[in-house]
Amino acid sequence: MPRQTPFYLIITHRDKGTFSAEGPMIDDRRWNHAIVVAQKAGRQVRCATASGFSAADAGRNWVQRYSGKQVLPGEIVHL
């Protein structure tokens, strides 16, 4: 069941060391499907729920805890 509170999703590409902040959204099922399709194609991509008040805020929070270069939304996996 979709969440009722909007949230952000961080998509990571391990091979390239990049990530994108996607959202806000209340349903990540389409994103999860796109991640699975990319993984089946051999890409090293993952997703995680992120905290923040905006996509930029979620990206800053992510890079403080982890590493990587932020790329534009939809650059790693797009719907």
N, C-alpha and C. Protein backbone atom coordinates (compact mmCIF):
# COMPACT_ATOMS: atom_id res chain seq x y z
N MET A 1 0.84 -1.19 0.00
CA MET A 1 0.00 0.00 0.00
C MET A 1 0.88 1.25 0.00
N PRO A 2 0.57 2.24 -0.82
CA PRO A 2 1.37 3.47 -0.87
C PRO A 2 1.32 4.23 0.46
N ARG A 3 2.40 4.92 0.74
CA ARG A 3 2.44 5.77 1.92
C ARG A 3 1.52 6.97 1.72
N GLN A 4 1.15 7.60 2.80
CA GLN A 4 0.32 8.79 2.73
C GLN A 4 1.13 10.07 2.84
N THR A 5 2.34 9.99 3.39
CA THR A 5 3.21 11.14 3.54
C THR A 5 4.25 11.14 2.43
N PRO A 6 4.40 12.22 1.70
CA PRO A 6 5.42 12.25 0.63
C PRO A 6 6.83 12.02 1.18
N PHE A 7 7.64 11.35 0.38
CA PHE A 7 9.02 11.06 0.75
C PHE A 7 9.89 11.13 -0.49
N TYR A 8 11.19 10.99 -0.30
CA TYR A 8 12.16 11.02 -1.40
C TYR A 8 12.84 9.68 -1.48
N LEU A 9 13.31 9.35 -2.65
CA LEU A 9 14.01 8.10 -2.89
C LEU A 9 15.39 8.44 -3.43
N ILE A 10 16.40 7.78 -2.89
CA ILE A 10 17.76 7.92 -3.40
C ILE A 10 18.06 6.70 -4.27
N ILE A 11 18.42 6.95 -5.51
CA ILE A 11 18.82 5.89 -6.44
C ILE A 11 20.34 5.95 -6.55
N THR A 12 21.01 4.84 -6.28
CA THR A 12 22.47 4.81 -6.36
C THR A 12 22.92 3.93 -7.51
N HIS A 13 24.03 4.31 -8.11
CA HIS A 13 24.67 3.52 -9.17
C HIS A 13 26.08 3.22 -8.67
N ARG A 14 26.26 2.03 -8.15
CA ARG A 14 27.52 1.67 -7.50
C ARG A 14 28.72 1.70 -8.43
N ASP A 15 28.56 1.27 -9.67
CA ASP A 15 29.68 1.24 -10.61
C ASP A 15 30.22 2.64 -10.89
N LYS A 16 29.33 3.62 -10.95
CA LYS A 16 29.74 4.98 -11.28
C LYS A 16 29.93 5.86 -10.06
N GLY A 17 29.49 5.39 -8.87
CA GLY A 17 29.62 6.19 -7.66
C GLY A 17 28.71 7.41 -7.66
N THR A 18 27.55 7.29 -8.29
CA THR A 18 26.62 8.41 -8.38
C THR A 18 25.31 8.08 -7.68
N PHE A 19 24.54 9.13 -7.39
CA PHE A 19 23.21 8.96 -6.84
C PHE A 19 22.32 10.09 -7.31
N SER A 20 21.01 9.84 -7.29
CA SER A 20 20.04 10.89 -7.60
C SER A 20 18.97 10.87 -6.53
N ALA A 21 18.41 12.03 -6.25
CA ALA A 21 17.30 12.16 -5.31
C ALA A 21 16.02 12.33 -6.12
N GLU A 22 15.10 11.43 -5.94
CA GLU A 22 13.85 11.44 -6.70
C GLU A 22 12.68 11.75 -5.78
N GLY A 23 11.73 12.50 -6.26
CA GLY A 23 10.54 12.78 -5.47
C GLY A 23 10.23 14.26 -5.40
N PRO A 24 9.27 14.59 -4.61
CA PRO A 24 8.58 13.78 -3.61
C PRO A 24 7.59 12.81 -4.26
N MET A 25 7.30 11.75 -3.53
CA MET A 25 6.37 10.73 -4.01
C MET A 25 5.67 10.11 -2.81
N ILE A 26 4.57 9.45 -3.07
CA ILE A 26 3.89 8.70 -2.02
C ILE A 26 3.83 7.22 -2.38
N ASP A 27 4.26 6.88 -3.58
CA ASP A 27 4.23 5.50 -4.04
C ASP A 27 5.50 5.23 -4.86
N ASP A 28 6.33 4.32 -4.40
CA ASP A 28 7.59 4.05 -5.09
C ASP A 28 7.56 2.75 -5.88
N ARG A 29 6.40 2.19 -6.11
CA ARG A 29 6.33 0.89 -6.81
C ARG A 29 6.89 0.96 -8.22
N ARG A 30 6.60 2.03 -8.96
CA ARG A 30 7.14 2.14 -10.33
C ARG A 30 8.66 2.26 -10.30
N TRP A 31 9.18 3.00 -9.31
CA TRP A 31 10.64 3.13 -9.17
C TRP A 31 11.26 1.79 -8.83
N ASN A 32 10.65 1.05 -7.90
CA ASN A 32 11.18 -0.26 -7.54
C ASN A 32 11.19 -1.19 -8.73
N HIS A 33 10.16 -1.14 -9.55
CA HIS A 33 10.12 -1.96 -10.77
C HIS A 33 11.26 -1.57 -11.72
N ALA A 34 11.48 -0.27 -11.89
CA ALA A 34 12.56 0.19 -12.78
C ALA A 34 13.92 -0.25 -12.25
N ILE A 35 14.10 -0.26 -10.95
CA ILE A 35 15.35 -0.72 -10.34
C ILE A 35 15.56 -2.21 -10.63
N VAL A 36 14.53 -3.01 -10.45
CA VAL A 36 14.62 -4.45 -10.70
C VAL A 36 14.97 -4.72 -12.17
N VAL A 37 14.33 -4.00 -13.08
CA VAL A 37 14.63 -4.16 -14.51
C VAL A 37 16.09 -3.82 -14.79
N ALA A 38 16.59 -2.74 -14.20
CA ALA A 38 17.99 -2.34 -14.39
C ALA A 38 18.93 -3.38 -13.79
N GLN A 39 18.59 -3.92 -12.62
CA GLN A 39 19.42 -4.96 -12.00
C GLN A 39 19.46 -6.22 -12.86
N LYS A 40 18.33 -6.61 -13.41
CA LYS A 40 18.29 -7.80 -14.27
C LYS A 40 19.12 -7.60 -15.53
N ALA A 41 19.30 -6.34 -15.93
CA ALA A 41 20.12 -6.02 -17.10
C ALA A 41 21.60 -5.92 -16.73
N GLY A 42 21.92 -6.19 -15.45
CA GLY A 42 23.31 -6.21 -15.01
C GLY A 42 23.82 -4.92 -14.39
N ARG A 43 22.96 -3.93 -14.23
CA ARG A 43 23.40 -2.66 -13.64
C ARG A 43 23.42 -2.77 -12.12
N GLN A 44 24.40 -2.14 -11.50
CA GLN A 44 24.55 -2.14 -10.04
C GLN A 44 23.84 -0.93 -9.44
N VAL A 45 22.52 -0.95 -9.48
CA VAL A 45 21.72 0.15 -8.95
C VAL A 45 20.90 -0.32 -7.76
N ARG A 46 20.67 0.58 -6.84
CA ARG A 46 19.89 0.31 -5.64
C ARG A 46 19.05 1.54 -5.33
N CYS A 47 18.07 1.37 -4.44
CA CYS A 47 17.31 2.53 -3.99
C CYS A 47 17.09 2.44 -2.49
N ALA A 48 16.91 3.61 -1.89
CA ALA A 48 16.67 3.71 -0.46
C ALA A 48 15.81 4.94 -0.19
N THR A 49 14.96 4.84 0.81
CA THR A 49 14.16 5.99 1.21
C THR A 49 15.06 7.01 1.87
N ALA A 50 14.82 8.28 1.58
CA ALA A 50 15.67 9.35 2.11
C ALA A 50 14.84 10.34 2.90
N SER A 51 15.49 10.99 3.85
CA SER A 51 14.82 12.03 4.62
C SER A 51 15.19 13.39 4.05
N GLY A 52 14.29 14.34 4.22
CA GLY A 52 14.54 15.70 3.77
C GLY A 52 13.25 16.41 3.43
N PHE A 53 13.33 17.72 3.38
CA PHE A 53 12.16 18.54 3.05
C PHE A 53 12.06 18.83 1.56
N SER A 54 13.11 18.51 0.82
CA SER A 54 13.15 18.70 -0.63
C SER A 54 14.11 17.68 -1.21
N ALA A 55 14.13 17.57 -2.53
CA ALA A 55 15.08 16.65 -3.17
C ALA A 55 16.51 17.09 -2.88
N ALA A 56 16.75 18.40 -2.91
CA ALA A 56 18.10 18.91 -2.62
C ALA A 56 18.49 18.59 -1.19
N ASP A 57 17.57 18.74 -0.25
CA ASP A 57 17.82 18.43 1.15
C ASP A 57 18.10 16.94 1.33
N ALA A 58 17.31 16.10 0.68
CA ALA A 58 17.53 14.65 0.76
C ALA A 58 18.90 14.28 0.20
N GLY A 59 19.31 14.92 -0.90
CA GLY A 59 20.63 14.67 -1.47
C GLY A 59 21.75 15.09 -0.53
N ARG A 60 21.61 16.24 0.11
CA ARG A 60 22.63 16.69 1.08
C ARG A 60 22.72 15.73 2.26
N ASN A 61 21.56 15.29 2.76
CA ASN A 61 21.56 14.34 3.88
C ASN A 61 22.24 13.04 3.48
N TRP A 62 21.99 12.59 2.27
CA TRP A 62 22.59 11.33 1.79
C TRP A 62 24.11 11.44 1.72
N VAL A 63 24.60 12.50 1.10
CA VAL A 63 26.04 12.62 0.88
C VAL A 63 26.79 12.82 2.21
N GLN A 64 26.13 13.35 3.22
CA GLN A 64 26.76 13.49 4.54
C GLN A 64 26.97 12.13 5.19
N ARG A 65 26.08 11.19 4.94
CA ARG A 65 26.17 9.87 5.57
C ARG A 65 26.90 8.85 4.71
N TYR A 66 26.83 9.02 3.43
CA TYR A 66 27.43 8.07 2.49
C TYR A 66 28.36 8.84 1.57
N SER A 67 28.57 8.36 0.39
CA SER A 67 29.42 9.09 -0.54
C SER A 67 28.81 9.04 -1.93
N GLY A 68 29.42 9.73 -2.83
CA GLY A 68 28.95 9.71 -4.20
C GLY A 68 28.75 11.11 -4.74
N LYS A 69 28.61 11.16 -6.04
CA LYS A 69 28.36 12.42 -6.73
C LYS A 69 26.89 12.46 -7.12
N GLN A 70 26.21 13.53 -6.77
CA GLN A 70 24.80 13.64 -7.11
C GLN A 70 24.63 14.03 -8.58
N VAL A 71 23.73 13.31 -9.24
CA VAL A 71 23.38 13.61 -10.63
C VAL A 71 21.92 14.03 -10.69
N LEU A 72 21.50 14.50 -11.83
CA LEU A 72 20.13 14.99 -11.99
C LEU A 72 19.10 13.88 -11.80
N PRO A 73 17.91 14.23 -11.30
CA PRO A 73 16.84 13.23 -11.18
C PRO A 73 16.58 12.54 -12.51
N GLY A 74 16.35 11.25 -12.46
CA GLY A 74 16.06 10.48 -13.67
C GLY A 74 17.28 10.09 -14.48
N GLU A 75 18.46 10.50 -14.07
CA GLU A 75 19.66 10.19 -14.85
C GLU A 75 20.11 8.74 -14.70
N ILE A 76 19.90 8.14 -13.55
CA ILE A 76 20.35 6.76 -13.32
C ILE A 76 19.29 5.78 -13.81
N VAL A 77 18.07 5.97 -13.37
CA VAL A 77 16.92 5.16 -13.79
C VAL A 77 15.77 6.13 -14.02
N HIS A 78 15.10 5.98 -15.13
CA HIS A 78 13.95 6.84 -15.38
C HIS A 78 12.72 6.00 -15.67
N LEU A 79 11.59 6.60 -15.40
CA LEU A 79 10.33 5.88 -15.58
C LEU A 79 9.81 6.06 -16.99
